[in-house]
Amino acid sequence: MSYPSQPFINGVYRRHSSGKSTQLINPATEEVFASVSSVDHGDVEAAIQGADDAFRKGWRDLAPGRRTEILFNIAKILRENLETIAQWESKSIGKPIADARDEVALGARVFEFYAGAITKFGGQTLPVSRGGFDFTLRQPMGVVAAIVPWNFPFPIACWKVAPALAAGNTVVLKPASVSPLSALVLGELATQAGLPPGVLQVLPGSGSEIGDQLVLHPLVRKISFTGSTEVGRRIMELASRGVKRVSLELGGKSPNIIFADADIDVAAKQAPMSVFGNTGQDCCARSRVFVERKVLDAFVEQFVAVTRQLKIGDPASEETQIGPLVSENQRHSVEALIASASHQSRRIINGGNRPFQKGFYLAPTIILDTDVSDRVWCEEIFGPVVCIRPFDDEAQMIEEVNASPYGLSGSIWTNDIRRALRVARRVESGVLSINSHSSVHVEAPFGGFKQSGLGRDLGMAAMEGYTELKNIYVGE
């Protein structure tokens, strides 16, 4: 299968586009390997109109059993093309190939989950005080704009597209400009699986050029966005003009809380990949580590030892655990934050260097002795950098955890179940793991508190978020 190079509109790769294109650069080699045309405003209009037509003329009213069959078919054809999609994903963003394969498989599982959910999702019958018969309906909204990031392009596209389609909506999917390939092939493969033309449109190109049009268009009923908090605010402001529904999964600065009674060996062994996985380009990265002081030295020693054993290198290699950052600009941004810590005489006990001359690599970096006001402690870095601080008092530690404007994910390590539940209730975060670093489960809601966003992806909560709730009363 050759690289797709055109937007996918109304069931075909559309040859007419702006004449502009985006060159795709392999972060591991710094070489251009493909070029994809960027949409213009005419393409966006055609895609939205086509999606609205497909919604009103068939998809909205398609029998649930048929929608179920199509979504199961999509999952099947994704599995059949897993290796191709994974290779493209790895080359586009420098993701280790083993991780890329896992993420394509995750995307297929998402479609299977929502295929099965279609016939189990509906309204309620309600007893009301005046008698009669009252019931609720869950009805699709119409055209949904799904805007996805570059750090997990394929699975996040799937966990927006699948529940929206399952609920009866049509979708205009906008991938990040540096990682459009997997989204484009998703459109093509979904059509091969039986999805009617226009139900899923895919628009590559610059969000800064077409984002406002997508959000403001009167036929777009909901915007589902994953990305930076800054862009999320802009989308929310624009959407407010039309009182549009939005779901926003934004930034994070997740805590990793280690109590002295935890299994320190297990916690220290798992903690490095909870922040350095995907080269730290993860809104769930546990980049603030709080360690009870009495076990600080033992934890840090093991954390450093495990970090130094991580395999950094070619994303195409089966053994690689840490690949390059997505771009030169991203690496510069991360290095600037490391430099700010160095200028403040914070202790950098590992990393901070470029391990290879070629590729946008940066070694996993561990920083001690930070202050709670330091930029590296407060800001989302989106790179392989972790800060570790001791704590003595549980209540004060929780205050420091919650001082962040973000509240997406986090972990709590303790063998005291009462403490685990007490701390979990008090930490202001949408997703927490106890004695684990797992943040994402297809069956469970995923999303954040505070400036980490609103609304939820995954689980049945996501499907609810793509419907309007209608109440109907029938008098006696």
Protein backbone atom coordinates (compact mmCIF):
# COMPACT_ATOMS: atom_id res chain seq x y z
CA MET A 1 0.00 0.00 0.00
CA SER A 2 1.46 3.37 -1.02
CA TYR A 3 1.35 6.44 1.19
CA PRO A 4 -1.94 8.37 0.81
CA SER A 5 -1.27 11.92 -0.39
CA GLN A 6 -4.72 13.54 -0.73
CA PRO A 7 -7.63 14.38 1.58
CA PHE A 8 -10.28 11.68 1.88
CA ILE A 9 -13.68 13.19 1.07
CA ASN A 10 -16.97 11.44 0.23
CA GLY A 11 -15.39 8.03 0.02
CA VAL A 12 -12.44 8.83 -2.27
CA TYR A 13 -9.08 10.55 -2.19
CA ARG A 14 -9.98 13.98 -3.56
CA ARG A 15 -7.57 15.16 -6.24
CA HIS A 16 -8.54 18.82 -6.08
CA SER A 17 -6.95 20.61 -3.15
CA SER A 18 -5.15 23.83 -2.29
CA GLY A 19 -1.89 23.11 -4.10
CA LYS A 20 -0.17 23.31 -0.71
CA SER A 21 1.37 20.24 0.85
CA THR A 22 3.09 19.13 4.01
CA GLN A 23 6.37 17.25 3.84
CA LEU A 24 6.54 14.43 6.36
CA ILE A 25 9.90 14.07 8.10
CA ASN A 26 11.13 10.90 9.78
CA PRO A 27 12.27 12.11 13.25
CA ALA A 28 14.84 9.33 13.48
CA THR A 29 16.65 10.25 10.24
CA GLU A 30 15.56 13.88 9.70
CA GLU A 31 14.71 12.91 6.10
CA VAL A 32 11.54 13.66 4.13
CA PHE A 33 9.75 10.41 3.26
CA ALA A 34 6.34 11.56 1.99
CA SER A 35 4.26 14.58 1.04
CA VAL A 36 0.54 15.06 1.74
CA SER A 37 -1.70 17.72 0.19
CA SER A 38 -3.27 20.24 2.54
CA VAL A 39 -6.94 21.06 2.32
CA ASP A 40 -8.27 24.54 1.56
CA HIS A 41 -11.51 26.15 2.65
CA GLY A 42 -13.34 24.69 -0.34
CA ASP A 43 -12.31 21.18 0.67
CA VAL A 44 -13.50 21.79 4.23
CA GLU A 45 -16.87 23.02 2.96
CA ALA A 46 -17.23 20.01 0.68
CA ALA A 47 -16.35 17.63 3.50
CA ILE A 48 -18.83 19.14 5.96
CA GLN A 49 -21.62 19.31 3.39
CA GLY A 50 -20.92 15.71 2.38
CA ALA A 51 -20.95 14.57 6.00
CA ASP A 52 -24.26 16.35 6.62
CA ASP A 53 -25.80 14.77 3.52
CA ALA A 54 -24.59 11.32 4.58
CA PHE A 55 -26.06 11.86 8.05
CA ARG A 56 -29.50 12.96 6.89
CA LYS A 57 -29.85 10.58 3.94
CA GLY A 58 -28.94 7.33 5.55
CA TRP A 59 -26.48 6.97 8.43
CA ARG A 60 -28.71 8.56 11.10
CA ASP A 61 -31.53 6.11 10.38
CA LEU A 62 -29.49 3.02 9.52
CA ALA A 63 -30.62 0.00 11.50
CA PRO A 64 -28.45 -0.50 14.62
CA GLY A 65 -27.64 -4.05 13.53
CA ARG A 66 -26.18 -2.79 10.27
CA ARG A 67 -24.08 -0.14 12.04
CA THR A 68 -22.83 -2.88 14.35
CA GLU A 69 -21.82 -5.03 11.38
CA ILE A 70 -19.93 -2.17 9.72
CA LEU A 71 -17.97 -1.26 12.85
CA PHE A 72 -16.99 -4.88 13.41
CA ASN A 73 -15.87 -5.00 9.78
CA ILE A 74 -13.73 -1.90 10.34
CA ALA A 75 -12.03 -3.57 13.31
CA LYS A 76 -11.36 -6.65 11.20
CA ILE A 77 -9.82 -4.76 8.29
CA LEU A 78 -7.69 -2.68 10.68
CA ARG A 79 -6.21 -5.87 12.10
CA GLU A 80 -5.51 -7.12 8.59
CA ASN A 81 -3.57 -3.92 7.86
CA LEU A 82 -1.97 -3.57 11.30
CA GLU A 83 1.64 -3.83 10.17
CA THR A 84 1.32 -1.21 7.41
CA ILE A 85 -0.37 1.30 9.70
CA ALA A 86 2.16 0.66 12.47
CA GLN A 87 5.12 1.16 10.13
CA TRP A 88 3.69 4.47 8.86
CA GLU A 89 3.01 5.63 12.41
CA SER A 90 6.53 4.75 13.51
CA LYS A 91 8.09 6.58 10.59
CA SER A 92 5.87 9.66 10.98
CA ILE A 93 6.47 10.41 14.65
CA GLY A 94 9.40 8.25 15.74
CA LYS A 95 7.29 5.87 17.79
CA PRO A 96 8.97 2.50 18.59
CA ILE A 97 7.48 -0.09 16.27
CA ALA A 98 6.36 -2.37 19.11
CA ASP A 99 4.37 0.50 20.62
CA ALA A 100 2.94 1.42 17.23
CA ARG A 101 1.65 -2.13 16.73
CA ASP A 102 0.03 -2.09 20.18
CA GLU A 103 -1.68 1.20 19.37
CA VAL A 104 -3.12 -0.03 16.07
CA ALA A 105 -4.46 -3.08 17.89
CA LEU A 106 -5.94 -0.72 20.49
CA GLY A 107 -7.71 1.17 17.71
CA ALA A 108 -9.25 -2.07 16.44
CA ARG A 109 -10.41 -2.94 19.98
CA VAL A 110 -12.08 0.46 20.25
CA PHE A 111 -14.14 -0.22 17.13
CA GLU A 112 -15.06 -3.67 18.47
CA PHE A 113 -16.17 -2.21 21.80
CA TYR A 114 -18.46 0.39 20.24
CA ALA A 115 -19.75 -2.07 17.65
CA GLY A 116 -20.95 -4.18 20.55
CA ALA A 117 -22.29 -1.15 22.41
CA ILE A 118 -24.68 -0.01 19.66
CA THR A 119 -27.48 -2.43 20.52
CA LYS A 120 -27.01 -1.95 24.26
CA PHE A 121 -27.23 1.85 24.31
CA GLY A 122 -30.49 3.72 24.67
CA GLY A 123 -32.83 5.75 26.82
CA GLN A 124 -34.97 5.07 29.87
CA THR A 125 -38.59 4.82 30.89
CA LEU A 126 -39.36 7.07 33.85
CA PRO A 127 -42.20 7.09 36.36
CA VAL A 128 -43.50 10.68 36.70
CA SER A 129 -45.72 12.15 39.38
CA ARG A 130 -48.63 13.13 37.13
CA GLY A 131 -49.00 9.66 35.60
CA GLY A 132 -48.79 8.92 31.93
CA PHE A 133 -45.72 7.52 30.24
CA ASP A 134 -42.35 9.27 30.12
CA PHE A 135 -39.29 8.06 28.25
CA THR A 136 -35.94 9.36 27.03
CA LEU A 137 -34.13 8.96 23.73
CA ARG A 138 -30.42 9.21 22.97
CA GLN A 139 -30.25 10.79 19.52
CA PRO A 140 -27.21 11.56 17.34
CA MET A 141 -26.14 15.17 16.96
CA GLY A 142 -25.19 15.24 13.27
CA VAL A 143 -21.76 16.24 12.00
CA VAL A 144 -18.95 15.92 14.54
CA ALA A 145 -15.53 17.54 14.02
CA ALA A 146 -12.82 15.36 15.59
CA ILE A 147 -9.40 17.03 15.93
CA VAL A 148 -6.58 14.74 17.02
CA PRO A 149 -2.93 15.25 18.06
CA TRP A 150 0.36 13.86 16.77
CA ASN A 151 1.53 11.97 19.85
CA PHE A 152 -0.98 9.08 19.63
CA PRO A 153 -2.53 9.77 16.23
CA PHE A 154 -4.19 6.47 15.44
CA PRO A 155 -5.71 5.32 18.74
CA ILE A 156 -7.05 8.78 19.58
CA ALA A 157 -8.61 9.06 16.13
CA CYS A 158 -10.29 5.71 16.71
CA TRP A 159 -11.59 6.55 20.16
CA LYS A 160 -13.26 9.68 18.78
CA VAL A 161 -14.51 8.27 15.48
CA ALA A 162 -15.85 4.92 16.73
CA PRO A 163 -18.26 6.13 19.45
CA ALA A 164 -19.43 9.03 17.27
CA LEU A 165 -20.26 6.65 14.42
CA ALA A 166 -21.81 4.13 16.79
CA ALA A 167 -24.16 6.81 18.11
CA GLY A 168 -25.26 7.63 14.54
CA ASN A 169 -23.20 10.74 13.82
CA THR A 170 -20.97 11.45 10.84
CA VAL A 171 -17.39 12.62 11.42
CA VAL A 172 -14.99 15.10 9.86
CA LEU A 173 -11.58 13.99 11.15
CA LYS A 174 -8.71 16.49 11.28
CA PRO A 175 -5.35 14.80 12.00
CA ALA A 176 -2.23 16.72 13.02
CA SER A 177 -0.31 18.05 10.03
CA VAL A 178 2.81 15.97 10.85
CA SER A 179 0.95 12.66 11.27
CA PRO A 180 -1.93 12.38 8.76
CA LEU A 181 -1.18 8.99 7.21
CA SER A 182 -2.93 6.70 9.68
CA ALA A 183 -6.05 8.89 9.71
CA LEU A 184 -6.20 8.93 5.93
CA VAL A 185 -5.90 5.16 5.68
CA LEU A 186 -8.55 4.82 8.40
CA GLY A 187 -10.96 6.65 6.10
CA GLU A 188 -10.09 4.40 3.18
CA LEU A 189 -10.25 1.13 5.12
CA ALA A 190 -13.52 2.10 6.84
CA THR A 191 -15.06 2.67 3.41
CA GLN A 192 -13.79 -0.72 2.26
CA ALA A 193 -15.45 -2.18 5.35
CA GLY A 194 -18.85 -0.85 4.26
CA LEU A 195 -19.00 2.64 5.75
CA PRO A 196 -21.07 4.77 3.32
CA PRO A 197 -19.28 7.63 1.50
CA GLY A 198 -19.29 10.87 3.47
CA VAL A 199 -19.79 9.27 6.88
CA LEU A 200 -16.06 9.68 7.66
CA GLN A 201 -14.14 12.53 6.03
CA VAL A 202 -10.41 13.07 6.64
CA LEU A 203 -8.84 16.52 6.19
CA PRO A 204 -5.02 16.80 6.40
CA GLY A 205 -3.41 20.22 6.69
CA SER A 206 -2.74 23.04 9.10
CA GLY A 207 -5.15 23.46 11.98
CA SER A 208 -4.29 27.14 12.21
CA GLU A 209 -5.63 27.59 8.67
CA ILE A 210 -8.82 25.53 8.76
CA GLY A 211 -9.51 25.03 12.47
CA ASP A 212 -11.72 28.10 12.85
CA GLN A 213 -13.81 27.08 9.83
CA LEU A 214 -14.38 23.60 11.28
CA VAL A 215 -15.41 24.93 14.68
CA LEU A 216 -17.61 27.78 13.42
CA HIS A 217 -19.41 25.98 10.59
CA PRO A 218 -23.16 25.90 11.30
CA LEU A 219 -23.51 22.26 10.25
CA VAL A 220 -20.90 21.07 12.77
CA ARG A 221 -22.79 20.23 15.95
CA LYS A 222 -19.92 19.08 18.17
CA ILE A 223 -16.15 19.46 18.36
CA SER A 224 -14.09 16.75 20.02
CA PHE A 225 -10.51 17.91 20.49
CA THR A 226 -7.36 16.43 21.99
CA GLY A 227 -4.33 18.70 22.18
CA SER A 228 -2.87 21.66 24.04
CA THR A 229 -4.76 23.64 26.64
CA GLU A 230 -4.03 26.83 24.69
CA VAL A 231 -5.74 25.56 21.54
CA GLY A 232 -8.53 24.04 23.64
CA ARG A 233 -9.34 27.47 25.05
CA ARG A 234 -9.52 28.89 21.53
CA ILE A 235 -11.89 26.12 20.42
CA MET A 236 -14.09 26.65 23.46
CA GLU A 237 -14.30 30.39 22.80
CA LEU A 238 -15.25 29.89 19.14
CA ALA A 239 -17.72 27.11 19.91
CA SER A 240 -19.50 29.34 22.42
CA ARG A 241 -20.68 31.58 19.58
CA GLY A 242 -22.91 28.79 18.32
CA VAL A 243 -23.44 27.17 21.76
CA LYS A 244 -21.85 24.04 20.30
CA ARG A 245 -21.11 20.92 22.25
CA VAL A 246 -17.42 20.39 22.96
CA SER A 247 -15.25 17.77 24.58
CA LEU A 248 -11.67 18.73 25.28
CA GLU A 249 -8.81 16.48 26.40
CA LEU A 250 -5.96 18.88 27.06
CA GLY A 251 -2.66 19.13 28.90
CA GLY A 252 -1.43 17.36 31.97
CA LYS A 253 1.22 17.41 34.67
CA SER A 254 0.48 14.13 36.32
CA PRO A 255 1.76 13.10 39.76
CA ASN A 256 3.36 9.84 40.78
CA ILE A 257 2.97 9.45 44.56
CA ILE A 258 5.22 6.91 46.31
CA PHE A 259 4.52 6.13 49.97
CA ALA A 260 7.13 4.41 52.15
CA ASP A 261 4.98 1.30 52.64
CA ALA A 262 4.75 0.64 48.88
CA ASP A 263 6.68 -2.07 47.09
CA ILE A 264 9.56 0.25 46.18
CA ASP A 265 11.20 -2.23 43.82
CA VAL A 266 8.05 -2.52 41.70
CA ALA A 267 7.25 1.20 41.84
CA ALA A 268 10.79 2.20 40.82
CA LYS A 269 10.89 -0.38 38.05
CA GLN A 270 7.63 0.85 36.51
CA ALA A 271 7.98 4.58 37.14
CA PRO A 272 10.52 5.42 34.37
CA MET A 273 8.31 4.30 31.48
CA SER A 274 5.34 6.08 33.04
CA VAL A 275 7.08 9.31 32.13
CA PHE A 276 9.62 8.40 29.43
CA GLY A 277 7.29 6.23 27.35
CA ASN A 278 6.55 7.82 23.95
CA THR A 279 9.64 9.95 24.73
CA GLY A 280 7.60 11.83 27.32
CA GLN A 281 5.18 13.12 24.68
CA ASP A 282 2.15 12.05 26.67
CA CYS A 283 -0.37 14.20 28.51
CA CYS A 284 -0.59 11.40 31.13
CA ALA A 285 3.20 11.35 31.75
CA ARG A 286 3.90 11.06 35.48
CA SER A 287 6.48 13.87 35.37
CA ARG A 288 6.07 15.03 39.00
CA VAL A 289 7.22 12.32 41.38
CA PHE A 290 6.44 12.73 45.09
CA VAL A 291 8.41 10.27 47.25
CA GLU A 292 8.03 9.88 51.00
CA ARG A 293 11.36 11.09 52.37
CA LYS A 294 12.34 7.94 54.26
CA VAL A 295 12.51 5.96 50.97
CA LEU A 296 13.68 8.78 48.69
CA ASP A 297 17.29 7.63 48.31
CA ALA A 298 16.36 3.99 47.68
CA PHE A 299 13.70 4.96 45.14
CA VAL A 300 15.93 7.40 43.26
CA GLU A 301 18.79 4.90 43.10
CA GLN A 302 16.56 2.25 41.52
CA PHE A 303 14.75 4.75 39.28
CA VAL A 304 18.08 5.92 37.85
CA ALA A 305 19.34 2.35 37.39
CA VAL A 306 16.21 1.33 35.44
CA THR A 307 16.30 4.52 33.36
CA ARG A 308 19.89 3.88 32.31
CA GLN A 309 18.90 0.43 31.05
CA LEU A 310 16.20 1.75 28.72
CA LYS A 311 17.01 1.13 25.06
CA ILE A 312 17.11 4.37 23.05
CA GLY A 313 17.46 4.10 19.32
CA ASP A 314 15.97 3.37 15.93
CA PRO A 315 12.15 3.20 16.17
CA ALA A 316 12.16 0.42 13.56
CA SER A 317 14.11 -1.86 15.92
CA GLU A 318 12.09 -4.37 17.92
CA GLU A 319 14.21 -3.70 21.03
CA THR A 320 13.82 0.10 21.08
CA GLN A 321 11.87 1.52 24.01
CA ILE A 322 12.60 5.24 23.53
CA GLY A 323 12.61 6.87 20.11
CA PRO A 324 13.25 10.47 19.06
CA LEU A 325 11.08 13.47 19.77
CA VAL A 326 8.69 14.33 16.98
CA SER A 327 10.60 17.37 15.64
CA GLU A 328 13.57 19.65 16.06
CA ASN A 329 11.29 22.36 17.47
CA GLN A 330 9.94 19.99 20.09
CA ARG A 331 13.46 19.05 21.16
CA HIS A 332 14.48 22.72 21.40
CA SER A 333 11.46 23.40 23.61
CA VAL A 334 12.34 20.56 25.98
CA GLU A 335 16.02 21.51 26.08
CA ALA A 336 15.09 25.07 27.00
CA LEU A 337 13.22 23.85 30.07
CA ILE A 338 16.13 21.61 31.08
CA ALA A 339 18.45 24.61 30.69
CA SER A 340 16.22 26.68 32.97
CA ALA A 341 16.60 24.03 35.68
CA SER A 342 20.36 23.94 35.16
CA HIS A 343 20.59 27.73 35.50
CA GLN A 344 18.76 27.43 38.83
CA SER A 345 21.39 24.91 40.00
CA ARG A 346 18.94 22.01 40.15
CA ARG A 347 20.59 18.59 40.17
CA ILE A 348 20.42 16.83 36.80
CA ILE A 349 21.51 13.31 37.67
CA ASN A 350 20.81 11.68 34.30
CA GLY A 351 20.29 12.72 30.70
CA GLY A 352 19.82 16.17 29.25
CA ASN A 353 22.09 15.28 26.33
CA ARG A 354 21.61 14.24 22.70
CA PRO A 355 22.67 10.59 22.51
CA PHE A 356 23.02 10.52 18.70
CA GLN A 357 24.19 13.02 16.12
CA LYS A 358 21.30 12.34 13.76
CA GLY A 359 17.62 12.31 14.64
CA PHE A 360 15.70 14.36 17.19
CA TYR A 361 16.81 12.28 20.17
CA LEU A 362 17.10 13.44 23.76
CA ALA A 363 18.21 11.23 26.62
CA PRO A 364 15.77 10.66 29.52
CA THR A 365 16.44 13.37 32.06
CA ILE A 366 16.06 13.16 35.86
CA ILE A 367 16.07 16.36 37.94
CA LEU A 368 16.27 16.63 41.73
CA ASP A 369 16.05 19.50 44.24
CA THR A 370 13.43 21.42 42.26
CA ASP A 371 11.26 24.08 43.83
CA VAL A 372 7.49 24.00 43.42
CA SER A 373 7.73 27.27 41.48
CA ASP A 374 10.27 25.96 38.91
CA ARG A 375 9.10 25.80 35.30
CA VAL A 376 10.17 22.16 34.98
CA TRP A 377 8.01 21.30 37.97
CA CYS A 378 4.97 23.36 36.96
CA GLU A 379 4.79 23.28 33.15
CA GLU A 380 3.86 20.43 30.85
CA ILE A 381 7.19 19.59 29.20
CA PHE A 382 6.06 16.99 26.65
CA GLY A 383 9.47 15.43 26.58
CA PRO A 384 11.56 12.85 28.50
CA VAL A 385 12.02 14.86 31.70
CA VAL A 386 11.02 13.96 35.26
CA CYS A 387 11.34 15.87 38.55
CA ILE A 388 11.50 14.03 41.88
CA ARG A 389 10.78 15.68 45.23
CA PRO A 390 10.47 14.29 48.76
CA PHE A 391 7.46 14.78 51.04
CA ASP A 392 6.96 14.34 54.78
CA ASP A 393 3.30 15.16 55.31
CA GLU A 394 0.43 13.60 53.36
CA ALA A 395 -1.88 16.60 53.56
CA GLN A 396 0.80 19.05 52.42
CA MET A 397 1.78 16.72 49.59
CA ILE A 398 -1.82 16.58 48.36
CA GLU A 399 -1.96 20.38 48.40
CA GLU A 400 1.15 20.47 46.19
CA VAL A 401 -0.31 17.85 43.85
CA ASN A 402 -3.51 19.87 43.48
CA ALA A 403 -1.69 23.19 43.07
CA SER A 404 -1.24 22.35 39.38
CA PRO A 405 -3.81 23.86 36.98
CA TYR A 406 -3.97 20.41 35.36
CA GLY A 407 -5.72 17.27 36.56
CA LEU A 408 -5.59 14.48 34.01
CA SER A 409 -3.95 11.35 35.37
CA GLY A 410 -1.64 10.02 38.07
CA SER A 411 -0.55 7.10 40.22
CA ILE A 412 -0.58 6.30 43.93
CA TRP A 413 1.73 3.63 45.33
CA THR A 414 0.90 2.22 48.79
CA ASN A 415 -0.06 -1.09 50.39
CA ASP A 416 -2.48 0.65 52.76
CA ILE A 417 -5.87 0.45 51.02
CA ARG A 418 -7.41 3.05 53.33
CA ARG A 419 -4.66 5.52 52.48
CA ALA A 420 -4.94 4.69 48.77
CA LEU A 421 -8.67 5.44 48.70
CA ARG A 422 -8.30 8.54 50.92
CA VAL A 423 -5.63 10.06 48.69
CA ALA A 424 -7.43 9.04 45.48
CA ARG A 425 -10.55 10.90 46.60
CA ARG A 426 -8.58 14.05 47.36
CA VAL A 427 -6.35 14.22 44.30
CA GLU A 428 -8.00 16.43 41.68
CA SER A 429 -7.62 14.25 38.61
CA GLY A 430 -9.94 12.55 36.16
CA VAL A 431 -7.96 9.29 35.97
CA LEU A 432 -5.94 7.63 38.73
CA SER A 433 -4.20 4.27 39.14
CA ILE A 434 -3.33 2.60 42.43
CA ASN A 435 -0.14 0.51 42.33
CA SER A 436 -0.15 0.82 38.55
CA HIS A 437 0.66 3.31 35.79
CA SER A 438 -2.22 2.42 33.49
CA SER A 439 -4.31 5.39 32.34
CA VAL A 440 -6.29 4.15 29.35
CA HIS A 441 -8.92 1.40 29.31
CA VAL A 442 -11.29 1.09 26.35
CA GLU A 443 -14.18 0.25 28.67
CA ALA A 444 -13.64 3.14 31.13
CA PRO A 445 -14.02 6.94 30.79
CA PHE A 446 -10.88 8.97 30.13
CA GLY A 447 -10.57 12.72 30.67
CA GLY A 448 -9.46 15.43 33.04
CA PHE A 449 -10.35 17.95 35.72
CA LYS A 450 -9.58 21.68 35.64
CA GLN A 451 -7.49 22.83 32.66
CA SER A 452 -6.98 19.25 31.52
CA GLY A 453 -10.33 19.53 29.80
CA LEU A 454 -13.97 18.55 29.95
CA GLY A 455 -16.03 15.65 28.69
CA ARG A 456 -14.78 12.09 28.39
CA ASP A 457 -13.35 9.77 25.76
CA LEU A 458 -13.78 5.97 25.90
CA GLY A 459 -16.27 3.87 27.79
CA MET A 460 -20.00 4.42 27.50
CA ALA A 461 -19.48 8.00 28.69
CA ALA A 462 -17.96 8.84 25.29
CA MET A 463 -20.98 7.47 23.43
CA GLU A 464 -23.28 9.52 25.65
CA GLY A 465 -21.19 12.58 24.79
CA TYR A 466 -22.02 12.16 21.08
CA THR A 467 -25.79 12.21 21.65
CA GLU A 468 -28.51 14.65 22.63
CA LEU A 469 -30.83 13.50 25.43
CA LYS A 470 -34.49 13.97 24.53
CA ASN A 471 -37.37 13.52 26.98
CA ILE A 472 -40.85 12.58 25.69
CA TYR A 473 -44.02 12.51 27.78
CA VAL A 474 -47.22 10.79 26.75
CA GLY A 475 -50.30 11.83 28.69
CA GLU A 476 -52.91 9.38 29.87
